[in-house]
Amino acid sequence: MTHRITALPRDQRHRLAPLLALYAAEMRDVLAGAATAAPEAQAALLAAHPAAEVLLAEDAAGVPLGFAILFDLPEVVFARHCGMLDDLFVRPEARGRGIARALIGAAVAEGQTRGWSHLRWIVPEADTAAIALYERIATRADWRSYVVRIDPAASL
């Protein structure tokens, strides 16, 4: 089965709700928050957020298979921009077909167009399947990640 990746306009982000529901259910055991939001609220947040960008992977019939959420960030030291991949998800039955790799490739291509210095992301240590892919296609960063849980009920 083939797939295509496109930027998902704000007015179409409601289409992500079924994927967001699957993503939230899968991440329940990885994240520490008390309860996830309804998928419609998650999609509405992505539609309203001024900086969130979404890449959508679809099959030939237009069925959503996966998504990547990106942010264009300033990289102050070198007065450049970089990309932040905040979330990446492929529905379970579509895995193993190169969709996650293609979503990251599309993010890299977008970054090349924009002149980004790099694309970066974080991943929970418990997400071993994602880490296995990332170890094959990217270089592990020499950074530590920290979090201050402002609202422990909703936090990562």
Protein backbone atom coordinates (compact mmCIF):
# COMPACT_ATOMS: atom_id res chain seq x y z
CA MET A 1 0.00 0.00 0.00
CA THR A 2 1.30 3.45 -0.84
CA HIS A 3 1.02 6.56 1.22
CA ARG A 4 1.41 10.29 0.73
CA ILE A 5 2.48 12.96 3.19
CA THR A 6 1.08 16.47 3.12
CA ALA A 7 0.87 19.48 5.40
CA LEU A 8 -2.50 19.43 7.13
CA PRO A 9 -4.19 22.86 7.08
CA ARG A 10 -5.66 24.18 10.33
CA ASP A 11 -9.23 23.80 9.08
CA GLN A 12 -8.64 20.08 8.44
CA ARG A 13 -7.01 19.17 11.75
CA HIS A 14 -10.28 17.74 13.09
CA ARG A 15 -9.45 14.78 10.83
CA LEU A 16 -6.70 13.87 13.32
CA ALA A 17 -9.18 13.02 16.12
CA PRO A 18 -9.25 9.23 15.45
CA LEU A 19 -5.45 9.09 15.29
CA LEU A 20 -5.11 11.26 18.39
CA ALA A 21 -7.39 8.88 20.30
CA LEU A 22 -5.17 5.93 19.34
CA TYR A 23 -2.02 7.89 20.19
CA ALA A 24 -3.32 8.95 23.62
CA ALA A 25 -4.37 5.38 24.45
CA GLU A 26 -0.95 4.06 23.46
CA MET A 27 0.91 6.72 25.43
CA ARG A 28 -1.19 6.21 28.61
CA ASP A 29 1.37 3.82 30.06
CA VAL A 30 4.28 6.11 29.15
CA LEU A 31 3.00 9.50 30.34
CA ALA A 32 2.40 10.46 33.97
CA GLY A 33 -0.69 12.69 33.66
CA ALA A 34 -3.96 11.64 35.29
CA ALA A 35 -6.22 11.82 32.23
CA THR A 36 -5.87 12.62 28.55
CA ALA A 37 -8.14 15.10 26.79
CA ALA A 38 -10.84 14.08 24.35
CA PRO A 39 -9.43 13.65 20.84
CA GLU A 40 -11.70 16.43 19.53
CA ALA A 41 -10.17 18.82 22.10
CA GLN A 42 -6.69 17.69 21.08
CA ALA A 43 -7.45 18.34 17.41
CA ALA A 44 -9.00 21.71 18.26
CA LEU A 45 -5.83 22.70 20.12
CA LEU A 46 -3.74 21.85 17.04
CA ALA A 47 -6.14 23.81 14.83
CA ALA A 48 -5.94 26.90 17.04
CA HIS A 49 -2.25 26.84 17.96
CA PRO A 50 -0.42 29.55 16.01
CA ALA A 51 2.90 27.69 15.76
CA ALA A 52 1.89 24.02 15.48
CA GLU A 53 2.38 22.47 12.07
CA VAL A 54 1.08 19.02 11.18
CA LEU A 55 2.25 16.56 8.56
CA LEU A 56 -0.32 13.90 7.74
CA ALA A 57 0.37 10.50 6.18
CA GLU A 58 -2.61 9.09 4.27
CA ASP A 59 -3.20 6.02 2.15
CA ALA A 60 -4.32 6.26 -1.48
CA ALA A 61 -7.98 6.47 -0.37
CA GLY A 62 -7.29 9.41 1.96
CA VAL A 63 -7.43 7.38 5.19
CA PRO A 64 -5.14 8.96 7.83
CA LEU A 65 -2.28 6.63 8.76
CA GLY A 66 -0.05 8.82 10.91
CA PHE A 67 1.04 12.32 11.78
CA ALA A 68 3.99 14.44 12.87
CA ILE A 69 3.64 17.70 14.80
CA LEU A 70 6.38 20.24 14.12
CA PHE A 71 7.49 23.60 15.43
CA ASP A 72 9.87 26.07 13.81
CA LEU A 73 12.09 27.39 16.62
CA PRO A 74 14.79 30.02 16.86
CA GLU A 75 18.28 28.62 17.37
CA VAL A 76 19.71 31.70 19.07
CA VAL A 77 23.45 30.95 19.33
CA PHE A 78 23.86 30.75 15.55
CA ALA A 79 20.92 33.06 14.67
CA ARG A 80 19.24 30.30 12.71
CA HIS A 81 16.07 28.28 12.95
CA CYS A 82 15.67 24.62 13.81
CA GLY A 83 12.79 22.21 13.80
CA MET A 84 11.24 20.51 16.80
CA LEU A 85 9.36 17.28 16.18
CA ASP A 86 6.99 17.18 19.13
CA ASP A 87 4.82 14.16 18.39
CA LEU A 88 4.99 11.37 15.84
CA PHE A 89 2.44 8.58 15.55
CA VAL A 90 1.53 5.85 13.07
CA ARG A 91 -1.59 3.75 13.63
CA PRO A 92 -0.56 0.23 14.76
CA GLU A 93 -1.90 -1.65 11.72
CA ALA A 94 0.09 0.64 9.39
CA ARG A 95 3.46 0.18 11.11
CA GLY A 96 6.37 -1.50 9.42
CA ARG A 97 5.67 0.22 6.09
CA GLY A 98 8.13 3.10 6.45
CA ILE A 99 5.52 5.71 7.35
CA ALA A 100 7.30 7.03 10.47
CA ARG A 101 10.55 7.21 8.52
CA ALA A 102 8.72 9.03 5.69
CA LEU A 103 7.17 11.53 8.12
CA ILE A 104 10.59 12.32 9.56
CA GLY A 105 11.98 12.54 6.02
CA ALA A 106 9.26 15.04 5.12
CA ALA A 107 10.11 17.08 8.23
CA VAL A 108 13.78 17.07 7.23
CA ALA A 109 12.89 18.13 3.68
CA GLU A 110 10.80 20.98 5.09
CA GLY A 111 13.74 21.96 7.27
CA GLN A 112 16.06 22.00 4.28
CA THR A 113 13.64 24.30 2.47
CA ARG A 114 13.50 26.62 5.49
CA GLY A 115 17.23 26.53 6.20
CA TRP A 116 16.92 24.81 9.57
CA SER A 117 20.18 23.92 11.25
CA HIS A 118 18.73 20.66 12.57
CA LEU A 119 15.59 18.74 13.49
CA ARG A 120 15.36 17.59 17.09
CA TRP A 121 12.95 15.62 19.23
CA ILE A 122 12.63 13.88 22.57
CA VAL A 123 11.24 10.42 23.18
CA PRO A 124 10.20 8.71 26.42
CA GLU A 125 12.66 6.02 27.47
CA ALA A 126 9.79 3.51 27.66
CA ASP A 127 8.95 3.94 23.95
CA THR A 128 11.39 1.25 22.84
CA ALA A 129 9.91 0.70 19.37
CA ALA A 130 10.29 4.38 18.50
CA ILE A 131 13.81 4.46 19.95
CA ALA A 132 14.80 1.50 17.77
CA LEU A 133 13.79 3.44 14.66
CA TYR A 134 15.40 6.68 15.81
CA GLU A 135 18.69 4.91 16.54
CA ARG A 136 18.74 3.78 12.88
CA ILE A 137 17.92 7.13 11.25
CA ALA A 138 19.27 9.84 13.57
CA THR A 139 22.16 10.63 15.86
CA ARG A 140 21.56 10.65 19.59
CA ALA A 141 21.95 14.19 20.93
CA ASP A 142 24.36 15.07 23.71
CA TRP A 143 21.62 16.84 25.68
CA ARG A 144 19.72 16.00 28.80
CA SER A 145 16.01 16.60 28.98
CA TYR A 146 14.34 18.07 32.07
CA VAL A 147 10.77 18.83 33.04
CA VAL A 148 9.11 20.87 35.78
CA ARG A 149 5.64 19.43 36.32
CA ILE A 150 3.50 22.53 36.77
CA ASP A 151 0.25 20.55 36.67
CA PRO A 152 1.03 16.94 37.59
CA ALA A 153 -2.46 15.81 36.57
CA ALA A 154 -1.89 16.89 32.96
CA SER A 155 1.85 16.72 32.59
CA LEU A 156 4.08 14.33 30.67
